[in-house]
PDB file of N, CA and C in Angstrom:
ATOM      1  N   MET A   1      74.085  76.652-154.387  1.00  0.00           N
ATOM      2  CA  MET A   1      73.876  75.582-153.558  1.00  0.00           C
ATOM      3  C   MET A   1      73.426  75.982-152.279  1.00  0.00           C
ATOM      4  N   GLN A   2      73.971  77.139-151.918  1.00  0.00           N
ATOM      5  CA  GLN A   2      73.681  77.845-150.462  1.00  0.00           C
ATOM      6  C   GLN A   2      72.244  78.239-150.457  1.00  0.00           C
ATOM      7  N   LEU A   3      71.780  79.101-151.490  1.00  0.00           N
ATOM      8  CA  LEU A   3      70.262  79.407-151.473  1.00  0.00           C
ATOM      9  C   LEU A   3      69.150  78.495-151.443  1.00  0.00           C
ATOM     10  N   ILE A   4      69.556  77.197-152.064  1.00  0.00           N
ATOM     11  CA  ILE A   4      68.943  76.146-151.919  1.00  0.00           C
ATOM     12  C   ILE A   4      68.841  75.553-150.381  1.00  0.00           C
ATOM     13  N   ALA A   5      69.883  75.472-149.722  1.00  0.00           N
ATOM     14  CA  ALA A   5      69.825  75.162-148.131  1.00  0.00           C
ATOM     15  C   ALA A   5      69.107  75.964-147.653  1.00  0.00           C
ATOM     16  N   ILE A   6      69.132  77.291-147.745  1.00  0.00           N
ATOM     17  CA  ILE A   6      68.507  78.217-147.133  1.00  0.00           C
ATOM     18  C   ILE A   6      66.964  78.227-147.189  1.00  0.00           C
ATOM     19  N   LYS A   7      66.622  77.712-148.617  1.00  0.00           N
ATOM     20  CA  LYS A   7      65.360  77.956-149.037  1.00  0.00           C
ATOM     21  C   LYS A   7      64.498  76.402-148.423  1.00  0.00           C
ATOM     22  N   VAL A   8      65.129  75.372-148.110  1.00  0.00           N
ATOM     23  CA  VAL A   8      64.712  74.244-147.606  1.00  0.00           C
ATOM     24  C   VAL A   8      64.684  74.473-146.101  1.00  0.00           C
ATOM     25  N   VAL A   9      65.579  75.173-145.331  1.00  0.00           N
ATOM     26  CA  VAL A   9      65.752  75.029-144.155  1.00  0.00           C
ATOM     27  C   VAL A   9      64.786  75.961-143.160  1.00  0.00           C
ATOM     28  N   VAL A  10      64.746  77.136-143.983  1.00  0.00           N
ATOM     29  CA  VAL A  10      63.950  78.089-143.105  1.00  0.00           C
ATOM     30  C   VAL A  10      62.500  77.953-143.305  1.00  0.00           C
ATOM     31  N   PRO A  11      61.664  77.198-143.969  1.00  0.00           N
ATOM     32  CA  PRO A  11      60.430  76.970-143.731  1.00  0.00           C
ATOM     33  C   PRO A  11      60.275  75.737-142.750  1.00  0.00           C
ATOM     34  N   ILE A  12      61.174  74.705-142.703  1.00  0.00           N
ATOM     35  CA  ILE A  12      61.342  73.772-141.687  1.00  0.00           C
ATOM     36  C   ILE A  12      61.146  74.446-140.676  1.00  0.00           C
ATOM     37  N   ILE A  13      61.848  75.629-140.252  1.00  0.00           N
ATOM     38  CA  ILE A  13      62.166  76.376-138.863  1.00  0.00           C
ATOM     39  C   ILE A  13      60.936  77.092-138.392  1.00  0.00           C
ATOM     40  N   GLY A  14      60.481  77.650-139.521  1.00  0.00           N
ATOM     41  CA  GLY A  14      59.184  78.132-139.340  1.00  0.00           C
ATOM     42  C   GLY A  14      57.791  77.487-138.890  1.00  0.00           C
ATOM     43  N   VAL A  15      57.734  76.113-139.445  1.00  0.00           N
ATOM     44  CA  VAL A  15      56.765  75.151-139.182  1.00  0.00           C
ATOM     45  C   VAL A  15      57.286  75.019-137.811  1.00  0.00           C
ATOM     46  N   CYS A  16      58.414  74.375-137.161  1.00  0.00           N
ATOM     47  CA  CYS A  16      58.645  74.084-136.191  1.00  0.00           C
ATOM     48  C   CYS A  16      58.064  75.070-134.856  1.00  0.00           C
ATOM     49  N   TYR A  17      58.464  76.372-135.109  1.00  0.00           N
ATOM     50  CA  TYR A  17      57.866  77.385-134.155  1.00  0.00           C
ATOM     51  C   TYR A  17      56.550  77.522-134.221  1.00  0.00           C
ATOM     52  N   LEU A  18      55.782  77.203-135.444  1.00  0.00           N
ATOM     53  CA  LEU A  18      54.356  77.373-135.262  1.00  0.00           C
ATOM     54  C   LEU A  18      53.984  76.080-134.665  1.00  0.00           C
ATOM     55  N   VAL A  19      54.449  74.646-134.987  1.00  0.00           N
ATOM     56  CA  VAL A  19      54.132  73.632-134.153  1.00  0.00           C
ATOM     57  C   VAL A  19      54.143  73.937-132.444  1.00  0.00           C
ATOM     58  N   PHE A  20      55.544  74.556-132.190  1.00  0.00           N
ATOM     59  CA  PHE A  20      55.997  74.471-130.647  1.00  0.00           C
ATOM     60  C   PHE A  20      54.900  75.374-129.934  1.00  0.00           C
ATOM     61  N   ILE A  21      53.750  76.228-130.759  1.00  0.00           N
ATOM     62  CA  ILE A  21      52.875  77.157-130.092  1.00  0.00           C
ATOM     63  C   ILE A  21      51.845  76.205-129.215  1.00  0.00           C
ATOM     64  N   TRP A  22      51.374  75.017-130.102  1.00  0.00           N
ATOM     65  CA  TRP A  22      50.755  74.377-129.592  1.00  0.00           C
ATOM     66  C   TRP A  22      50.677  73.177-129.002  1.00  0.00           C
ATOM     67  N   ILE A  23      52.037  73.021-128.669  1.00  0.00           N
ATOM     68  CA  ILE A  23      52.686  71.516-128.183  1.00  0.00           C
ATOM     69  C   ILE A  23      52.603  71.605-126.322  1.00  0.00           C
ATOM     70  N   PRO A  24      53.106  72.706-125.728  1.00  0.00           N
ATOM     71  CA  PRO A  24      53.014  72.972-124.269  1.00  0.00           C
ATOM     72  C   PRO A  24      52.060  71.966-123.371  1.00  0.00           C
ATOM     73  N   GLY A  25      50.801  72.006-123.683  1.00  0.00           N
ATOM     74  CA  GLY A  25      49.893  70.933-122.916  1.00  0.00           C
ATOM     75  C   GLY A  25      49.945  69.498-123.275  1.00  0.00           C
ATOM     76  N   LYS A  26      50.121  69.389-124.291  1.00  0.00           N
ATOM     77  CA  LYS A  26      50.102  67.839-125.088  1.00  0.00           C
ATOM     78  C   LYS A  26      51.129  66.877-124.093  1.00  0.00           C
ATOM     79  N   SER A  27      52.524  66.924-124.738  1.00  0.00           N
ATOM     80  CA  SER A  27      53.353  65.888-124.718  1.00  0.00           C
ATOM     81  C   SER A  27      54.674  66.410-124.501  1.00  0.00           C
ATOM     82  N   ILE A  28      55.486  66.005-123.673  1.00  0.00           N
ATOM     83  CA  ILE A  28      56.751  66.317-123.250  1.00  0.00           C
ATOM     84  C   ILE A  28      57.862  65.682-124.599  1.00  0.00           C
ATOM     85  N   ILE A  29      57.452  64.663-125.176  1.00  0.00           N
ATOM     86  CA  ILE A  29      58.174  63.796-125.933  1.00  0.00           C
ATOM     87  C   ILE A  29      58.132  64.517-127.476  1.00  0.00           C
ATOM     88  N   ALA A  30      56.922  65.126-127.855  1.00  0.00           N
ATOM     89  CA  ALA A  30      56.489  66.033-128.795  1.00  0.00           C
ATOM     90  C   ALA A  30      57.387  67.250-128.784  1.00  0.00           C
ATOM     91  N   ALA A  31      57.504  67.961-127.611  1.00  0.00           N
ATOM     92  CA  ALA A  31      58.301  68.998-127.573  1.00  0.00           C
ATOM     93  C   ALA A  31      59.748  68.517-127.636  1.00  0.00           C
ATOM     94  N   TYR A  32      60.307  67.580-127.069  1.00  0.00           N
ATOM     95  CA  TYR A  32      61.544  67.325-127.473  1.00  0.00           C
ATOM     96  C   TYR A  32      61.964  67.091-128.713  1.00  0.00           C
ATOM     97  N   ILE A  33      61.013  66.482-129.634  1.00  0.00           N
ATOM     98  CA  ILE A  33      61.343  66.248-131.232  1.00  0.00           C
ATOM     99  C   ILE A  33      60.982  67.369-131.787  1.00  0.00           C
ATOM    100  N   VAL A  34      60.319  68.375-131.611  1.00  0.00           N
ATOM    101  CA  VAL A  34      60.167  69.643-132.388  1.00  0.00           C
ATOM    102  C   VAL A  34      61.327  70.398-131.781  1.00  0.00           C
ATOM    103  N   LEU A  35      61.702  70.338-130.717  1.00  0.00           N
ATOM    104  CA  LEU A  35      62.871  71.287-130.497  1.00  0.00           C
ATOM    105  C   LEU A  35      64.256  70.656-130.881  1.00  0.00           C
ATOM    106  N   GLY A  36      64.146  69.368-131.129  1.00  0.00           N
ATOM    107  CA  GLY A  36      65.426  68.652-131.645  1.00  0.00           C
ATOM    108  C   GLY A  36      65.530  69.061-133.237  1.00  0.00           C
ATOM    109  N   VAL A  37      64.500  69.271-133.937  1.00  0.00           N
ATOM    110  CA  VAL A  37      64.311  69.359-135.492  1.00  0.00           C
ATOM    111  C   VAL A  37      64.551  70.820-135.607  1.00  0.00           C
ATOM    112  N   LEU A  38      64.088  71.837-134.373  1.00  0.00           N
ATOM    113  CA  LEU A  38      64.699  73.395-134.614  1.00  0.00           C
ATOM    114  C   LEU A  38      66.202  73.494-134.350  1.00  0.00           C
ATOM    115  N   GLY A  39      66.711  72.696-133.530  1.00  0.00           N
ATOM    116  CA  GLY A  39      67.930  72.806-133.243  1.00  0.00           C
ATOM    117  C   GLY A  39      68.938  72.403-134.463  1.00  0.00           C
ATOM    118  N   ALA A  40      68.657  71.330-134.660  1.00  0.00           N
ATOM    119  CA  ALA A  40      69.307  70.573-135.785  1.00  0.00           C
ATOM    120  C   ALA A  40      69.307  71.765-137.202  1.00  0.00           C
ATOM    121  N   THR A  41      68.302  72.096-137.315  1.00  0.00           N
ATOM    122  CA  THR A  41      67.900  72.893-138.671  1.00  0.00           C
ATOM    123  C   THR A  41      68.745  74.357-138.490  1.00  0.00           C
ATOM    124  N   SER A  42      68.560  74.767-137.376  1.00  0.00           N
ATOM    125  CA  SER A  42      69.350  76.444-136.909  1.00  0.00           C
ATOM    126  C   SER A  42      70.679  75.871-136.859  1.00  0.00           C
ATOM    127  N   PHE A  43      71.128  74.709-136.496  1.00  0.00           N
ATOM    128  CA  PHE A  43      72.632  74.628-136.407  1.00  0.00           C
ATOM    129  C   PHE A  43      72.989  74.506-137.853  1.00  0.00           C
ATOM    130  N   THR A  44      72.343  73.985-138.821  1.00  0.00           N
ATOM    131  CA  THR A  44      72.981  74.016-140.242  1.00  0.00           C
ATOM    132  C   THR A  44      72.661  75.288-140.748  1.00  0.00           C
ATOM    133  N   LEU A  45      71.699  76.059-140.317  1.00  0.00           N
ATOM    134  CA  LEU A  45      71.305  77.445-141.224  1.00  0.00           C
ATOM    135  C   LEU A  45      72.478  78.427-140.806  1.00  0.00           C
ATOM    136  N   LEU A  46      72.892  78.520-139.668  1.00  0.00           N
ATOM    137  CA  LEU A  46      74.066  79.642-139.252  1.00  0.00           C
ATOM    138  C   LEU A  46      75.205  79.484-140.195  1.00  0.00           C
ATOM    139  N   PRO A  47      75.859  78.143-140.517  1.00  0.00           N
ATOM    140  CA  PRO A  47      77.089  78.327-141.098  1.00  0.00           C
ATOM    141  C   PRO A  47      76.788  78.452-142.641  1.00  0.00           C
ATOM    142  N   VAL A  48      75.721  78.166-143.349  1.00  0.00           N
ATOM    143  CA  VAL A  48      75.297  78.282-144.697  1.00  0.00           C
ATOM    144  C   VAL A  48      74.833  79.832-144.923  1.00  0.00           C
ATOM    145  N   THR A  49      74.141  80.322-143.889  1.00  0.00           N
ATOM    146  CA  THR A  49      73.978  81.904-143.921  1.00  0.00           C
ATOM    147  C   THR A  49      75.215  82.734-143.953  1.00  0.00           C
ATOM    148  N   LEU A  50      76.142  82.700-143.044  1.00  0.00           N
ATOM    149  CA  LEU A  50      77.110  83.329-143.083  1.00  0.00           C
ATOM    150  C   LEU A  50      78.051  83.118-144.336  1.00  0.00           C
ATOM    151  N   GLU A  51      78.284  82.083-144.827  1.00  0.00           N
ATOM    152  CA  GLU A  51      78.896  81.856-145.922  1.00  0.00           C
ATOM    153  C   GLU A  51      78.102  82.793-147.215  1.00  0.00           C
ATOM    154  N   TRP A  52      76.951  82.540-147.193  1.00  0.00           N
ATOM    155  CA  TRP A  52      76.149  83.035-148.347  1.00  0.00           C
ATOM    156  C   TRP A  52      76.205  84.699-148.081  1.00  0.00           C
ATOM    157  N   LEU A  53      76.255  85.362-146.933  1.00  0.00           N
ATOM    158  CA  LEU A  53      76.169  86.652-146.776  1.00  0.00           C
ATOM    159  C   LEU A  53      77.885  87.060-147.248  1.00  0.00           C
ATOM    160  N   ALA A  54      78.797  86.139-147.056  1.00  0.00           N
ATOM    161  CA  ALA A  54      80.147  86.900-147.387  1.00  0.00           C
ATOM    162  C   ALA A  54      80.245  86.659-148.828  1.00  0.00           C
ATOM    163  N   ASP A  55      79.750  85.691-149.539  1.00  0.00           N
ATOM    164  CA  ASP A  55      79.591  85.635-150.854  1.00  0.00           C
ATOM    165  C   ASP A  55      79.041  86.786-151.458  1.00  0.00           C
ATOM    166  N   ASP A  56      77.854  87.290-150.908  1.00  0.00           N
ATOM    167  CA  ASP A  56      76.867  88.160-151.368  1.00  0.00           C
ATOM    168  C   ASP A  56      77.674  89.652-151.476  1.00  0.00           C
ATOM    169  N   THR A  57      78.332  89.810-150.509  1.00  0.00           N
ATOM    170  CA  THR A  57      78.963  91.239-150.335  1.00  0.00           C
ATOM    171  C   THR A  57      80.464  91.093-150.741  1.00  0.00           C
ATOM    172  N   GLN A  58      80.709  90.491-151.681  1.00  0.00           N
ATOM    173  CA  GLN A  58      82.155  90.050-152.017  1.00  0.00           C
ATOM    174  C   GLN A  58      83.219  91.147-151.917  1.00  0.00           C
ATOM    175  N   PRO A  59      82.895  92.345-152.364  1.00  0.00           N
ATOM    176  CA  PRO A  59      83.998  93.158-152.336  1.00  0.00           C
ATOM    177  C   PRO A  59      84.437  93.560-150.862  1.00  0.00           C
ATOM    178  N   ALA A  60      83.320  93.653-149.743  1.00  0.00           N
ATOM    179  CA  ALA A  60      83.273  94.084-148.457  1.00  0.00           C
ATOM    180  C   ALA A  60      84.324  92.593-148.004  1.00  0.00           C
ATOM    181  N   SER A  61      84.974  92.724-146.731  1.00  0.00           N
ATOM    182  CA  SER A  61      85.455  91.693-146.074  1.00  0.00           C
ATOM    183  C   SER A  61      84.683  90.812-145.382  1.00  0.00           C
ATOM    184  N   PRO A  62      84.637  89.630-145.447  1.00  0.00           N
ATOM    185  CA  PRO A  62      83.646  88.588-144.575  1.00  0.00           C
ATOM    186  C   PRO A  62      83.650  89.050-143.399  1.00  0.00           C
ATOM    187  N   GLU A  63      84.566  89.535-142.595  1.00  0.00           N
ATOM    188  CA  GLU A  63      84.462  89.922-140.874  1.00  0.00           C
ATOM    189  C   GLU A  63      83.458  91.045-140.925  1.00  0.00           C
ATOM    190  N   VAL A  64      83.341  92.024-141.997  1.00  0.00           N
ATOM    191  CA  VAL A  64      82.569  93.243-141.701  1.00  0.00           C
ATOM    192  C   VAL A  64      81.505  92.800-142.127  1.00  0.00           C
ATOM    193  N   SER A  65      81.105  91.912-143.064  1.00  0.00           N
ATOM    194  CA  SER A  65      79.525  91.860-142.985  1.00  0.00           C
ATOM    195  C   SER A  65      78.834  90.715-142.143  1.00  0.00           C
ATOM    196  N   SER A  66      79.542  89.942-141.695  1.00  0.00           N
ATOM    197  CA  SER A  66      79.162  88.935-140.442  1.00  0.00           C
ATOM    198  C   SER A  66      79.139  89.702-139.382  1.00  0.00           C
ATOM    199  N   THR A  67      79.873  90.708-139.069  1.00  0.00           N
ATOM    200  CA  THR A  67      79.905  91.584-137.783  1.00  0.00           C
ATOM    201  C   THR A  67      78.463  92.478-137.546  1.00  0.00           C
ATOM    202  N   LEU A  68      78.417  92.967-139.157  1.00  0.00           N
ATOM    203  CA  LEU A  68      77.111  93.911-139.098  1.00  0.00           C
ATOM    204  C   LEU A  68      75.658  93.279-139.116  1.00  0.00           C
ATOM    205  N   CYS A  69      75.819  91.934-139.588  1.00  0.00           N
ATOM    206  CA  CYS A  69      74.515  91.091-139.485  1.00  0.00           C
ATOM    207  C   CYS A  69      74.452  90.431-138.115  1.00  0.00           C
ATOM    208  N   TRP A  70      75.318  90.376-137.264  1.00  0.00           N
ATOM    209  CA  TRP A  70      75.171  89.699-135.630  1.00  0.00           C
ATOM    210  C   TRP A  70      74.831  91.240-135.026  1.00  0.00           C
ATOM    211  N   MET A  71      75.310  92.350-135.318  1.00  0.00           N
ATOM    212  CA  MET A  71      75.028  93.747-134.865  1.00  0.00           C
ATOM    213  C   MET A  71      73.356  94.107-134.882  1.00  0.00           C
ATOM    214  N   GLY A  72      73.073  93.679-136.026  1.00  0.00           N
ATOM    215  CA  GLY A  72      71.807  93.702-136.614  1.00  0.00           C
ATOM    216  C   GLY A  72      70.895  93.179-135.607  1.00  0.00           C
ATOM    217  N   GLY A  73      71.340  91.616-135.245  1.00  0.00           N
ATOM    218  CA  GLY A  73      70.434  90.767-134.960  1.00  0.00           C
ATOM    219  C   GLY A  73      70.371  90.970-133.235  1.00  0.00           C
ATOM    220  N   GLN A  74      71.597  91.402-132.679  1.00  0.00           N
ATOM    221  CA  GLN A  74      71.351  91.850-131.440  1.00  0.00           C
ATOM    222  C   GLN A  74      70.632  93.159-131.122  1.00  0.00           C
ATOM    223  N   LEU A  75      70.759  94.011-131.999  1.00  0.00           N
ATOM    224  CA  LEU A  75      69.903  95.323-131.703  1.00  0.00           C
ATOM    225  C   LEU A  75      68.530  94.860-132.040  1.00  0.00           C
ATOM    226  N   CYS A  76      68.071  94.099-132.840  1.00  0.00           N
ATOM    227  CA  CYS A  76      66.455  93.708-132.863  1.00  0.00           C
ATOM    228  C   CYS A  76      66.408  92.894-131.682  1.00  0.00           C
ATOM    229  N   GLY A  77      66.956  92.189-131.116  1.00  0.00           N
ATOM    230  CA  GLY A  77      66.936  91.367-129.703  1.00  0.00           C
ATOM    231  C   GLY A  77      66.637  92.499-128.904  1.00  0.00           C
ATOM    232  N   VAL A  78      67.342  93.343-128.640  1.00  0.00           N
ATOM    233  CA  VAL A  78      67.244  94.573-127.488  1.00  0.00           C
ATOM    234  C   VAL A  78      65.943  95.361-127.838  1.00  0.00           C
ATOM    235  N   LEU A  79      65.595  95.734-128.918  1.00  0.00           N
ATOM    236  CA  LEU A  79      64.377  96.422-129.112  1.00  0.00           C
ATOM    237  C   LEU A  79      63.079  95.469-128.824  1.00  0.00           C
ATOM    238  N   PHE A  80      63.122  94.373-129.106  1.00  0.00           N
ATOM    239  CA  PHE A  80      62.177  93.717-129.035  1.00  0.00           C
ATOM    240  C   PHE A  80      61.736  93.117-127.406  1.00  0.00           C
ATOM    241  N   THR A  81      63.188  92.996-126.673  1.00  0.00           N
ATOM    242  CA  THR A  81      62.822  93.021-125.034  1.00  0.00           C
ATOM    243  C   THR A  81      62.347  94.335-124.629  1.00  0.00           C
ATOM    244  N   LEU A  82      62.693  95.467-124.963  1.00  0.00           N
ATOM    245  CA  LEU A  82      62.144  96.447-124.542  1.00  0.00           C
ATOM    246  C   LEU A  82      60.782  96.810-124.798  1.00  0.00           C
ATOM    247  N   ILE A  83      60.272  96.559-125.962  1.00  0.00           N
ATOM    248  CA  ILE A  83      59.055  96.589-126.420  1.00  0.00           C
ATOM    249  C   ILE A  83      58.065  95.787-125.539  1.00  0.00           C
ATOM    250  N   MET A  84      58.551  94.345-125.452  1.00  0.00           N
ATOM    251  CA  MET A  84      57.788  93.565-124.635  1.00  0.00           C
ATOM    252  C   MET A  84      57.861  93.903-123.326  1.00  0.00           C
ATOM    253  N   GLN A  85      58.656  94.386-122.593  1.00  0.00           N
ATOM    254  CA  GLN A  85      58.734  95.056-121.484  1.00  0.00           C
ATOM    255  C   GLN A  85      57.984  96.066-121.162  1.00  0.00           C
ATOM    256  N   SER A  86      57.561  96.914-121.984  1.00  0.00           N
ATOM    257  CA  SER A  86      56.918  97.976-121.940  1.00  0.00           C
ATOM    258  C   SER A  86      55.162  98.003-122.329  1.00  0.00           C
ATOM    259  N   LEU A  87      54.962  96.470-122.687  1.00  0.00           N
ATOM    260  CA  LEU A  87      53.689  96.068-122.747  1.00  0.00           C
ATOM    261  C   LEU A  87      53.013  95.220-121.702  1.00  0.00           C
ATOM    262  N   LYS A  88      53.958  95.251-120.764  1.00  0.00           N
ATOM    263  CA  LYS A  88      53.404  94.287-119.600  1.00  0.00           C
ATOM    264  C   LYS A  88      52.612  95.012-118.718  1.00  0.00           C
ATOM    265  N   THR A  89      51.356  94.342-118.177  1.00  0.00           N
ATOM    266  CA  THR A  89      50.453  95.138-117.279  1.00  0.00           C
ATOM    267  C   THR A  89      51.137  95.572-115.926  1.00  0.00           C
ATOM    268  N   HIS A  90      50.784  96.514-115.401  1.00  0.00           N
ATOM    269  CA  HIS A  90      51.227  97.184-114.100  1.00  0.00           C
ATOM    270  C   HIS A  90      49.945  97.673-113.456  1.00  0.00           C
ATOM    271  N   GLY A  91      49.721  97.392-112.587  1.00  0.00           N
ATOM    272  CA  GLY A  91      48.966  97.757-111.328  1.00  0.00           C
ATOM    273  C   GLY A  91      47.370  97.415-111.668  1.00  0.00           C
ATOM    274  N   ASP A  92      46.911  96.941-112.609  1.00  0.00           N
ATOM    275  CA  ASP A  92      45.828  96.445-112.992  1.00  0.00           C
ATOM    276  C   ASP A  92      45.449  95.337-112.083  1.00  0.00           C
ATOM    277  N   SER A  93      44.220  95.123-111.337  1.00  0.00           N
ATOM    278  CA  SER A  93      43.764  94.387-110.399  1.00  0.00           C
ATOM    279  C   SER A  93      43.293  93.259-111.080  1.00  0.00           C
ATOM    280  N   SER A  94      42.581  93.541-112.346  1.00  0.00           N
ATOM    281  CA  SER A  94      41.880  92.098-112.836  1.00  0.00           C
ATOM    282  C   SER A  94      42.795  91.350-113.325  1.00  0.00           C
ATOM    283  N   VAL A  95      44.168  91.512-113.658  1.00  0.00           N
ATOM    284  CA  VAL A  95      45.009  90.565-114.166  1.00  0.00           C
ATOM    285  C   VAL A  95      46.372  90.365-113.238  1.00  0.00           C
ATOM    286  N   PRO A  96      47.116  89.292-113.240  1.00  0.00           N
ATOM    287  CA  PRO A  96      48.211  89.435-112.337  1.00  0.00           C
ATOM    288  C   PRO A  96      49.401  90.229-112.760  1.00  0.00           C
ATOM    289  N   ASP A  97      49.992  90.975-111.950  1.00  0.00           N
ATOM    290  CA  ASP A  97      51.054  91.790-112.342  1.00  0.00           C
ATOM    291  C   ASP A  97      52.330  90.970-113.185  1.00  0.00           C
ATOM    292  N   GLY A  98      52.449  91.730-114.493  1.00  0.00           N
ATOM    293  CA  GLY A  98      53.731  91.494-115.482  1.00  0.00           C
ATOM    294  C   GLY A  98      52.925  90.420-116.343  1.00  0.00           C
ATOM    295  N   ASP A  99      51.536  90.223-116.300  1.00  0.00           N
ATOM    296  CA  ASP A  99      50.919  89.709-117.253  1.00  0.00           C
ATOM    297  C   ASP A  99      51.079  90.161-118.574  1.00  0.00           C
ATOM    298  N   MET A 100      51.249  89.367-119.668  1.00  0.00           N
ATOM    299  CA  MET A 100      51.508  89.798-121.139  1.00  0.00           C
ATOM    300  C   MET A 100      50.490  89.939-121.998  1.00  0.00           C
ATOM    301  N   THR A 101      48.994  90.116-121.423  1.00  0.00           N
ATOM    302  CA  THR A 101      47.665  90.189-122.087  1.00  0.00           C
ATOM    303  C   THR A 101      47.686  91.570-123.067  1.00  0.00           C
ATOM    304  N   ARG A 102      48.430  92.349-122.600  1.00  0.00           N
ATOM    305  CA  ARG A 102      48.455  93.552-123.714  1.00  0.00           C
ATOM    306  C   ARG A 102      49.494  93.426-124.859  1.00  0.00           C
ATOM    307  N   CYS A 103      50.073  92.324-125.066  1.00  0.00           N
ATOM    308  CA  CYS A 103      50.943  91.929-126.219  1.00  0.00           C
ATOM    309  C   CYS A 103      49.984  91.310-127.145  1.00  0.00           C
ATOM    310  N   VAL A 104      48.818  90.555-126.582  1.00  0.00           N
ATOM    311  CA  VAL A 104      48.109  89.998-127.675  1.00  0.00           C
ATOM    312  C   VAL A 104      47.392  90.809-128.074  1.00  0.00           C
ATOM    313  N   THR A 105      46.930  90.748-129.491  1.00  0.00           N
ATOM    314  CA  THR A 105      46.054  91.480-130.255  1.00  0.00           C
ATOM    315  C   THR A 105      44.534  90.361-130.475  1.00  0.00           C
ATOM    316  N   ASP A 106      43.553  91.421-130.224  1.00  0.00           N
ATOM    317  CA  ASP A 106      42.346  90.517-130.202  1.00  0.00           C
ATOM    318  C   ASP A 106      41.902  90.638-131.702  1.00  0.00           C
TER     319      ASP A 106
END
């Protein structure tokens, strides 16, 4: 049952993130709707995923598996932040300082 919920909710979250890329110039109402759906599905996904993780790593304690999962997520967040900070432009007079153009691939 948990995998069915995960398989339904994760594509909805992915679609919401993709739709949110093109919304900023359009309508604030559309942004609120997409963010509402994104929040509701993410709020639903967290306990289901933690329960599935506890069931999947059965011999280990649920505290150990959930703590390792949270630590992995935090480590990825730190790495992504450091990588994006290093991709900022510095000193180039053609673009504003701190522009993220080096992050985008052509």
